[in-house]
Amino acid sequence: MDKGFIYTLEDEKIVEYMKLSTEDKLNWLEEINEFTDLVLNDKEKEIRAKLRECEI
């Protein structure tokens, strides 16, 4: 893979996440998005967007 990124999770973490309710999963996602929006500067947000689009 020349672009984007890859990461792995332990099986236990995946099972733990699967046990969460849909509402809990959405709340977690919203909190993470709010946090990253607060802490990343404009340049970092630009890099994140390029990673998501597999441009880098």
Protein backbone atom coordinates (compact mmCIF):
# COMPACT_ATOMS: atom_id res chain seq x y z
CA MET A 1 0.00 0.00 0.00
CA ASP A 2 1.59 3.24 -1.13
CA LYS A 3 -0.99 5.65 0.24
CA GLY A 4 -3.22 6.00 3.28
CA PHE A 5 -2.57 4.20 6.54
CA ILE A 6 -3.17 0.85 8.26
CA TYR A 7 -3.64 0.01 11.91
CA THR A 8 -4.61 -3.08 13.87
CA LEU A 9 -6.60 -3.75 17.01
CA GLU A 10 -6.56 -6.65 19.42
CA ASP A 11 -9.52 -8.99 19.13
CA GLU A 12 -10.56 -8.13 22.69
CA LYS A 13 -10.93 -4.45 21.81
CA ILE A 14 -13.08 -5.30 18.79
CA VAL A 15 -15.33 -7.57 20.87
CA GLU A 16 -15.58 -4.88 23.57
CA TYR A 17 -16.64 -2.31 20.96
CA MET A 18 -19.19 -4.71 19.44
CA LYS A 19 -20.89 -4.99 22.83
CA LEU A 20 -21.61 -1.24 22.95
CA SER A 21 -25.08 -0.06 22.04
CA THR A 22 -25.56 1.88 18.83
CA GLU A 23 -26.17 5.02 20.87
CA ASP A 24 -22.91 4.52 22.80
CA LYS A 25 -20.98 4.00 19.57
CA LEU A 26 -22.42 7.17 18.06
CA ASN A 27 -21.72 9.15 21.24
CA TRP A 28 -18.13 7.91 21.24
CA LEU A 29 -17.73 8.89 17.59
CA GLU A 30 -19.18 12.34 18.20
CA GLU A 31 -16.85 12.91 21.16
CA ILE A 32 -13.79 11.85 19.15
CA ASN A 33 -14.76 14.14 16.26
CA GLU A 34 -15.31 17.10 18.58
CA PHE A 35 -12.00 16.46 20.33
CA THR A 36 -9.97 16.20 17.14
CA ASP A 37 -11.64 19.28 15.72
CA LEU A 38 -10.57 21.22 18.82
CA VAL A 39 -6.97 20.03 19.02
CA LEU A 40 -5.87 19.86 15.38
CA ASN A 41 -4.66 22.98 13.65
CA ASP A 42 -5.63 23.78 10.05
CA LYS A 43 -2.52 22.15 8.58
CA GLU A 44 -3.13 18.94 10.57
CA LYS A 45 -6.77 18.88 9.45
CA GLU A 46 -5.60 19.24 5.85
CA ILE A 47 -3.21 16.31 6.27
CA ARG A 48 -5.96 14.20 7.89
CA ALA A 49 -8.28 14.94 4.96
CA LYS A 50 -5.58 13.92 2.47
CA LEU A 51 -4.96 10.68 4.37
CA ARG A 52 -8.68 9.89 4.29
CA GLU A 53 -8.78 10.49 0.54
CA CYS A 54 -5.60 8.39 0.06
CA GLU A 55 -3.88 11.39 -1.52
CA ILE A 56 -0.78 10.83 0.60
